[in-house]
Amino acid sequence: MYKTIIILAILSAMLPNPASAQDVVNALTDLQNDRVEIIYNHAKAVSNNTQISIAFIENGLTNYYGIIKEDEILKSIENKDKLFEIGSITKVFTATLLANAVLDNKIGLEDDISKFYDFPFRDSVRIDFLSLANHTSALESIPSNLDISDFLASQTKAVQQNPYQTYGEKDLEAYLKNEIKLGYMHQKQYNYSNFGMGLLGYTLSLLSNSSYERLISNEIFEKYNMTNSHTNIDHAKTSLVKGISEDGSFANNWLWDSDVIIGAGGILSTVTDLSKFACAQFDFANRELALTRIPTFTINEKMKVGLGWHIIDNGDNRVLYWHNGGTGGYSSSMILDVKEKKGIIILSNVSVFHPEMNKIDSMCFQLMNAIK
């Protein structure tokens, strides 16, 4: 979940599903040399037991390539249906829930979220749905009444738990009633906020009188035939790739005790399922997905943000839609060129704390250039 902030500094998510009509190819041994070179140059520094699962979407095909590092050797492996924590790519899905609610006329993007709570916000603070989805709400990334000092100070990343795990409804109520203080009030600014996106997912759950797990399953996973995507790890253990910590040992998975922040980073998925969601973006008749890709705020001359998606314009008439993610045992990256119907999706069990974690994003962007 933290990795997006780092990469942004380096750069200064029920209509017909087109993915169902796409051919699927297992490309473990059939990959162009330039792409193999990009993958291996980026993957050679990872720890033993690391797996990387990649989807190439181009020319009407979805091709898969998987590697694993064993005994300091990189080998091919079929892992397209293996589960990884996708971290902040979850935010694209939470924003898609928002788009769905807007198109169903349940809410407006600029509606105040406070009307869905049965208590007043401190100083009558107003927060609209749009500002949560595009990170302009001025909310901090970590609420002030969540103590993560032990998490930040830990020298053993392998045993670190999800720092947001125990933050529940009572904590949120106390924060919104007594502690909320926006960082700026008059001129909107981009300030990436895990808490803000979590608050969006939780508020949408209140709107729907549903748990986030049931909402995301009914409104997205079932709609796009994402049969192996979950928010409850108990449903995922048989095909789950174990996370790897910074020091190369197995990491704890990030568990969630409530719905308050899960919408910021709680999904587990596969490159097969994410490819279905990615290919659905190429259907321009799909209104909910199209709404998430409309620019809503300009970050700088090269990047804007939609609902969830970061929108990159390199000045070459190519617009890319991107998000990444990171947890204690996993890193991920997803880039789409919707106009050309191309994309790269990478899931890995490279920890967000690994010194080479930025190579996952770098690999994703270089592979995207390779299929230009």
Protein backbone atom coordinates (compact mmCIF):
# COMPACT_ATOMS: atom_id res chain seq x y z
CA MET A 1 0.00 0.00 0.00
CA TYR A 2 2.91 2.32 0.62
CA LYS A 3 4.64 1.81 -2.70
CA THR A 4 2.47 4.16 -4.73
CA ILE A 5 3.82 7.13 -2.78
CA ILE A 6 7.38 6.15 -3.63
CA ILE A 7 6.70 5.63 -7.33
CA LEU A 8 4.78 8.90 -7.64
CA ALA A 9 7.89 10.66 -6.46
CA ILE A 10 9.91 8.84 -9.08
CA LEU A 11 7.45 9.81 -11.82
CA SER A 12 7.85 14.19 -10.62
CA ALA A 13 -9.16 0.17 -11.22
CA MET A 14 -23.40 -5.73 -15.51
CA LEU A 15 -22.12 -5.25 -18.98
CA PRO A 16 -20.67 -7.76 -21.46
CA ASN A 17 -17.16 -8.84 -20.49
CA PRO A 18 -14.80 -8.74 -23.50
CA ALA A 19 -12.25 -10.85 -21.63
CA SER A 20 -14.49 -13.89 -21.99
CA ALA A 21 -13.97 -13.80 -25.74
CA GLN A 22 -10.21 -13.53 -25.57
CA ASP A 23 -7.91 -16.44 -26.25
CA VAL A 24 -5.53 -17.37 -23.46
CA VAL A 25 -2.03 -18.66 -24.05
CA ASN A 26 0.41 -20.17 -21.56
CA ALA A 27 3.61 -18.45 -22.69
CA LEU A 28 6.05 -19.96 -20.21
CA THR A 29 8.48 -20.96 -22.96
CA ASP A 30 7.35 -18.72 -25.80
CA LEU A 31 8.45 -15.15 -25.05
CA GLN A 32 10.46 -12.69 -27.11
CA ASN A 33 14.09 -12.29 -26.08
CA ASP A 34 13.77 -8.60 -25.24
CA ARG A 35 10.97 -9.33 -22.80
CA VAL A 36 12.85 -12.22 -21.22
CA GLU A 37 15.84 -9.91 -20.75
CA ILE A 38 13.71 -7.25 -19.05
CA ILE A 39 12.18 -9.81 -16.70
CA TYR A 40 15.41 -11.53 -15.75
CA ASN A 41 17.37 -8.29 -15.33
CA HIS A 42 14.78 -7.06 -12.86
CA ALA A 43 14.17 -10.37 -11.09
CA LYS A 44 17.73 -11.56 -10.51
CA ALA A 45 18.11 -9.58 -7.26
CA VAL A 46 15.05 -11.00 -5.49
CA SER A 47 15.16 -13.51 -2.63
CA ASN A 48 14.94 -17.28 -2.93
CA ASN A 49 11.34 -18.58 -3.07
CA THR A 50 10.22 -15.41 -4.82
CA GLN A 51 7.57 -15.87 -7.49
CA ILE A 52 6.61 -13.37 -10.16
CA SER A 53 3.45 -13.83 -12.21
CA ILE A 54 3.02 -11.73 -15.35
CA ALA A 55 0.17 -11.20 -17.81
CA PHE A 56 0.79 -9.72 -21.27
CA ILE A 57 -2.36 -8.37 -22.92
CA GLU A 58 -1.95 -7.53 -26.61
CA ASN A 59 -3.34 -8.35 -30.04
CA GLY A 60 -6.49 -9.87 -28.60
CA LEU A 61 -4.52 -12.37 -26.54
CA THR A 62 -3.67 -12.72 -22.88
CA ASN A 63 -0.31 -14.46 -22.44
CA TYR A 64 1.12 -15.55 -19.09
CA TYR A 65 4.67 -15.95 -17.88
CA GLY A 66 5.77 -17.05 -14.44
CA ILE A 67 9.14 -17.37 -12.75
CA ILE A 68 10.40 -18.60 -9.39
CA LYS A 69 13.80 -18.21 -7.80
CA GLU A 70 15.14 -21.42 -6.27
CA ASP A 71 18.72 -22.03 -5.11
CA GLU A 72 19.68 -18.62 -6.59
CA ILE A 73 18.42 -19.74 -10.02
CA LEU A 74 15.48 -18.21 -11.87
CA LYS A 75 13.18 -20.85 -13.35
CA SER A 76 9.90 -20.87 -15.23
CA ILE A 77 6.77 -21.80 -13.31
CA GLU A 78 3.08 -21.79 -14.13
CA ASN A 79 1.49 -19.49 -11.55
CA LYS A 80 -1.18 -17.59 -13.47
CA ASP A 81 -3.87 -18.93 -11.14
CA LYS A 82 -1.89 -18.48 -7.93
CA LEU A 83 -3.09 -15.92 -5.40
CA PHE A 84 -1.09 -12.90 -4.26
CA GLU A 85 -1.98 -9.94 -2.08
CA ILE A 86 -2.46 -7.09 -4.57
CA GLY A 87 -2.17 -4.27 -2.02
CA SER A 88 -3.22 -0.87 -3.31
CA ILE A 89 -4.46 -2.13 -6.67
CA THR A 90 -7.50 -2.79 -4.47
CA LYS A 91 -8.14 0.96 -4.66
CA VAL A 92 -9.12 0.68 -8.32
CA PHE A 93 -11.81 -1.83 -7.37
CA THR A 94 -13.09 0.32 -4.50
CA ALA A 95 -13.30 3.28 -6.89
CA THR A 96 -15.23 1.06 -9.33
CA LEU A 97 -17.78 0.39 -6.59
CA LEU A 98 -18.14 4.15 -6.31
CA ALA A 99 -18.68 4.52 -10.06
CA ASN A 100 -21.35 1.82 -9.91
CA ALA A 101 -23.20 3.59 -7.09
CA VAL A 102 -23.08 6.90 -8.97
CA LEU A 103 -24.45 5.37 -12.18
CA ASP A 104 -27.22 3.70 -10.18
CA ASN A 105 -28.15 7.20 -8.89
CA LYS A 106 -27.60 6.16 -5.29
CA ILE A 107 -25.14 9.01 -4.70
CA GLY A 108 -23.36 11.81 -6.51
CA LEU A 109 -19.60 12.16 -6.69
CA GLU A 110 -19.75 15.43 -4.77
CA ASP A 111 -22.15 14.22 -2.09
CA ASP A 112 -21.00 14.60 1.51
CA ILE A 113 -20.25 11.22 3.11
CA SER A 114 -21.32 12.42 6.57
CA LYS A 115 -25.00 11.79 5.85
CA PHE A 116 -24.32 8.07 6.01
CA TYR A 117 -23.09 8.32 9.61
CA ASP A 118 -25.33 8.68 12.67
CA PHE A 119 -23.01 11.11 14.43
CA PRO A 120 -21.66 14.56 13.52
CA PHE A 121 -18.15 15.00 12.17
CA ARG A 122 -15.87 17.31 14.13
CA ASP A 123 -16.37 20.97 13.15
CA SER A 124 -18.93 19.79 10.56
CA VAL A 125 -16.08 18.79 8.26
CA ARG A 126 -17.32 18.03 4.76
CA ILE A 127 -15.76 15.20 2.72
CA ASP A 128 -17.19 14.22 -0.65
CA PHE A 129 -16.90 10.86 -2.38
CA LEU A 130 -14.82 12.22 -5.25
CA SER A 131 -12.10 13.57 -2.99
CA LEU A 132 -11.70 10.16 -1.36
CA ALA A 133 -11.42 8.43 -4.75
CA ASN A 134 -8.82 10.83 -6.18
CA HIS A 135 -6.82 11.54 -3.00
CA THR A 136 -7.76 15.22 -2.68
CA SER A 137 -9.70 14.94 0.59
CA ALA A 138 -6.77 16.27 2.68
CA LEU A 139 -7.12 13.27 4.98
CA GLU A 140 -3.92 11.87 6.37
CA SER A 141 -2.82 8.45 5.13
CA ILE A 142 -2.85 7.11 8.69
CA PRO A 143 -5.53 8.36 11.12
CA SER A 144 -4.12 10.15 14.13
CA ASN A 145 -5.68 7.69 16.57
CA LEU A 146 -3.93 4.70 14.99
CA ASP A 147 -0.57 4.06 16.63
CA ILE A 148 1.84 2.41 14.17
CA SER A 149 5.04 3.23 16.05
CA ASP A 150 5.75 -0.43 16.77
CA PHE A 151 5.23 -1.26 13.10
CA LEU A 152 7.60 1.45 11.92
CA ALA A 153 10.22 0.63 14.54
CA SER A 154 10.22 -3.13 14.00
CA GLN A 155 13.55 -4.52 12.88
CA THR A 156 11.99 -7.85 11.98
CA LYS A 157 9.76 -7.19 9.02
CA ALA A 158 8.96 -10.89 8.75
CA VAL A 159 6.77 -10.76 11.85
CA GLN A 160 5.07 -7.46 11.11
CA GLN A 161 1.30 -7.55 11.08
CA ASN A 162 -0.95 -5.37 8.97
CA PRO A 163 -0.74 -1.98 10.77
CA TYR A 164 -4.38 -1.27 9.84
CA GLN A 165 -5.72 -4.67 10.95
CA THR A 166 -7.40 -3.78 14.23
CA TYR A 167 -8.65 -0.30 13.32
CA GLY A 168 -12.41 -0.71 13.65
CA GLU A 169 -15.73 1.09 13.66
CA LYS A 170 -15.33 2.51 17.18
CA ASP A 171 -11.90 3.88 16.29
CA LEU A 172 -13.30 5.49 13.15
CA GLU A 173 -16.19 7.06 15.04
CA ALA A 174 -13.83 8.50 17.64
CA TYR A 175 -11.63 9.93 14.91
CA LEU A 176 -14.43 11.49 12.87
CA LYS A 177 -16.17 12.94 15.94
CA ASN A 178 -13.15 14.18 17.84
CA GLU A 179 -9.90 14.20 15.87
CA ILE A 180 -10.46 14.74 12.17
CA LYS A 181 -8.56 17.73 10.84
CA LEU A 182 -8.05 18.26 7.14
CA GLY A 183 -4.60 19.33 6.01
CA TYR A 184 -5.95 22.04 3.68
CA MET A 185 -9.37 23.51 3.18
CA HIS A 186 -9.48 25.95 0.28
CA GLN A 187 -7.32 24.73 -2.59
CA LYS A 188 -7.42 21.04 -3.43
CA GLN A 189 -4.15 19.15 -3.45
CA TYR A 190 -3.19 15.57 -4.20
CA ASN A 191 -2.24 13.72 -1.02
CA TYR A 192 -2.23 9.93 -1.38
CA SER A 193 -4.25 8.47 1.48
CA ASN A 194 -4.73 4.83 2.37
CA PHE A 195 -7.13 5.93 5.08
CA GLY A 196 -9.14 8.02 2.64
CA MET A 197 -9.67 5.13 0.23
CA GLY A 198 -10.48 2.83 3.13
CA LEU A 199 -13.07 5.35 4.32
CA LEU A 200 -14.56 5.37 0.82
CA GLY A 201 -14.96 1.59 0.83
CA TYR A 202 -16.45 1.60 4.32
CA THR A 203 -18.93 4.36 3.47
CA LEU A 204 -20.03 2.49 0.34
CA SER A 205 -20.60 -0.55 2.55
CA LEU A 206 -22.84 1.57 4.81
CA LEU A 207 -24.68 2.89 1.75
CA SER A 208 -25.33 -0.66 0.56
CA ASN A 209 -26.01 -2.10 4.02
CA SER A 210 -23.46 -4.75 3.16
CA SER A 211 -20.01 -5.91 4.14
CA TYR A 212 -17.16 -4.87 1.86
CA GLU A 213 -16.49 -8.54 1.13
CA ARG A 214 -20.03 -9.17 -0.06
CA LEU A 215 -20.20 -5.87 -1.95
CA ILE A 216 -16.97 -6.39 -3.90
CA SER A 217 -17.89 -10.00 -4.63
CA ASN A 218 -21.39 -9.23 -5.89
CA GLU A 219 -20.62 -6.03 -7.78
CA ILE A 220 -17.23 -6.83 -9.29
CA PHE A 221 -15.86 -10.34 -8.84
CA GLU A 222 -19.03 -12.04 -10.06
CA LYS A 223 -19.68 -9.49 -12.80
CA TYR A 224 -16.24 -9.92 -14.34
CA ASN A 225 -15.97 -13.66 -13.69
CA MET A 226 -13.12 -13.19 -11.23
CA THR A 227 -13.66 -16.61 -9.67
CA ASN A 228 -10.42 -16.69 -7.69
CA SER A 229 -10.39 -13.26 -6.03
CA HIS A 230 -11.09 -12.72 -2.34
CA THR A 231 -10.83 -10.40 0.62
CA ASN A 232 -11.00 -13.24 3.15
CA ILE A 233 -7.73 -15.17 3.25
CA ASP A 234 -9.56 -18.23 4.59
CA HIS A 235 -10.95 -18.64 1.07
CA ALA A 236 -7.53 -18.38 -0.50
CA LYS A 237 -5.12 -20.67 1.29
CA THR A 238 -5.05 -23.59 -1.15
CA SER A 239 -3.65 -21.52 -4.03
CA LEU A 240 -1.92 -18.76 -2.07
CA VAL A 241 1.73 -17.96 -2.79
CA LYS A 242 3.42 -17.28 0.53
CA GLY A 243 4.69 -13.74 1.01
CA ILE A 244 8.43 -13.16 1.38
CA SER A 245 9.76 -10.65 3.89
CA GLU A 246 12.60 -8.19 3.44
CA ASP A 247 15.11 -10.69 4.85
CA GLY A 248 13.95 -13.57 2.65
CA SER A 249 11.91 -15.44 5.25
CA PHE A 250 8.20 -16.07 4.88
CA ALA A 251 6.06 -13.09 5.86
CA ASN A 252 2.75 -12.87 7.67
CA ASN A 253 -0.26 -12.21 5.48
CA TRP A 254 -2.14 -9.00 6.13
CA LEU A 255 -5.40 -9.76 7.93
CA TRP A 256 -8.32 -7.37 8.40
CA ASP A 257 -10.58 -7.32 11.46
CA SER A 258 -13.05 -4.77 10.08
CA ASP A 259 -14.17 -3.05 6.88
CA VAL A 260 -12.88 0.40 7.85
CA ILE A 261 -9.65 0.37 5.78
CA ILE A 262 -9.84 -2.91 3.84
CA GLY A 263 -10.95 -1.05 0.71
CA ALA A 264 -7.48 0.47 0.48
CA GLY A 265 -5.56 -2.78 0.14
CA GLY A 266 -7.35 -5.97 1.15
CA ILE A 267 -7.87 -7.95 -2.07
CA LEU A 268 -6.08 -11.17 -3.01
CA SER A 269 -6.16 -12.09 -6.69
CA THR A 270 -4.42 -13.78 -9.61
CA VAL A 271 -3.09 -12.44 -12.89
CA THR A 272 -5.82 -14.45 -14.63
CA ASP A 273 -8.57 -12.65 -12.73
CA LEU A 274 -6.93 -9.24 -13.01
CA SER A 275 -6.59 -9.80 -16.76
CA LYS A 276 -10.35 -10.29 -17.01
CA PHE A 277 -10.91 -6.99 -15.22
CA ALA A 278 -8.24 -5.33 -17.38
CA CYS A 279 -9.75 -6.54 -20.64
CA ALA A 280 -13.16 -5.33 -19.53
CA GLN A 281 -11.65 -1.83 -19.55
CA PHE A 282 -11.37 -2.12 -23.34
CA ASP A 283 -15.16 -2.26 -23.72
CA PHE A 284 -16.02 1.41 -24.21
CA ALA A 285 -19.70 0.65 -23.63
CA ASN A 286 -18.92 -0.26 -20.03
CA ARG A 287 -19.98 2.92 -18.28
CA GLU A 288 -18.78 2.12 -14.76
CA LEU A 289 -15.24 1.37 -15.89
CA ALA A 290 -15.17 4.34 -18.25
CA LEU A 291 -16.20 6.62 -15.38
CA THR A 292 -13.21 5.51 -13.28
CA ARG A 293 -10.82 6.50 -16.09
CA ILE A 294 -12.04 10.08 -16.54
CA PRO A 295 -9.39 12.50 -15.20
CA THR A 296 -10.61 14.30 -12.10
CA PHE A 297 -7.49 16.09 -10.86
CA THR A 298 -4.14 17.10 -12.34
CA ILE A 299 -1.17 16.11 -10.20
CA ASN A 300 1.51 17.46 -12.54
CA GLU A 301 2.15 17.86 -16.26
CA LYS A 302 2.67 14.11 -16.69
CA MET A 303 0.12 12.65 -14.32
CA LYS A 304 -3.56 13.02 -13.52
CA VAL A 305 -5.83 10.91 -11.35
CA GLY A 306 -9.26 9.53 -12.13
CA LEU A 307 -11.28 7.43 -9.72
CA GLY A 308 -8.57 5.19 -8.33
CA TRP A 309 -6.47 5.11 -11.50
CA HIS A 310 -3.34 7.21 -11.99
CA ILE A 311 -3.29 8.49 -15.55
CA ILE A 312 0.12 8.97 -17.16
CA ASP A 313 0.75 11.00 -20.30
CA ASN A 314 4.29 10.68 -21.60
CA GLY A 315 3.74 13.19 -24.37
CA ASP A 316 3.76 10.54 -27.11
CA ASN A 317 -0.01 10.32 -27.61
CA ARG A 318 -0.06 7.30 -25.34
CA VAL A 319 -2.17 7.50 -22.19
CA LEU A 320 -1.52 4.83 -19.57
CA TYR A 321 -3.73 3.87 -16.63
CA TRP A 322 -1.65 2.60 -13.73
CA HIS A 323 -1.77 1.47 -10.15
CA ASN A 324 0.55 -0.58 -7.99
CA GLY A 325 0.48 -2.12 -4.55
CA GLY A 326 2.64 -3.38 -1.74
CA THR A 327 2.19 -5.22 1.56
CA GLY A 328 4.61 -6.85 3.97
CA GLY A 329 5.12 -9.84 1.69
CA TYR A 330 3.99 -8.72 -1.78
CA SER A 331 4.39 -6.10 -4.54
CA SER A 332 2.28 -5.61 -7.64
CA SER A 333 1.90 -3.34 -10.64
CA MET A 334 -0.73 -2.95 -13.38
CA ILE A 335 -0.59 -0.72 -16.48
CA LEU A 336 -3.18 -0.46 -19.27
CA ASP A 337 -3.22 1.26 -22.63
CA VAL A 338 -6.97 1.27 -23.15
CA LYS A 339 -6.88 2.86 -26.60
CA GLU A 340 -4.57 0.17 -27.98
CA LYS A 341 -6.09 -2.60 -25.81
CA LYS A 342 -2.77 -3.56 -24.28
CA GLY A 343 -1.59 -4.11 -20.75
CA ILE A 344 0.92 -5.57 -18.33
CA ILE A 345 0.02 -7.01 -14.93
CA ILE A 346 2.65 -8.19 -12.45
CA LEU A 347 2.02 -9.89 -9.14
CA SER A 348 4.88 -10.96 -6.89
CA ASN A 349 5.77 -11.99 -3.38
CA VAL A 350 8.48 -9.34 -3.20
CA SER A 351 7.97 -7.44 0.05
CA VAL A 352 7.23 -3.72 -0.08
CA PHE A 353 10.19 -3.43 2.31
CA HIS A 354 12.62 -5.28 0.00
CA PRO A 355 15.41 -2.95 -1.23
CA GLU A 356 14.65 -4.01 -4.81
CA MET A 357 10.87 -3.60 -4.59
CA ASN A 358 10.90 -0.71 -7.09
CA LYS A 359 12.01 -3.18 -9.75
CA ILE A 360 8.47 -4.55 -9.95
CA ASP A 361 7.16 -1.20 -11.19
CA SER A 362 10.21 -0.67 -13.37
CA MET A 363 9.71 -4.09 -14.94
CA CYS A 364 6.05 -3.32 -15.57
CA PHE A 365 6.76 -0.02 -17.34
CA GLN A 366 9.61 -1.46 -19.41
CA LEU A 367 7.48 -4.42 -20.51
CA MET A 368 4.70 -1.99 -21.42
CA ASN A 369 7.16 -0.13 -23.63
CA ALA A 370 8.18 -3.43 -25.17
CA ILE A 371 4.63 -4.12 -26.38
CA LYS A 372 4.13 -0.59 -27.66
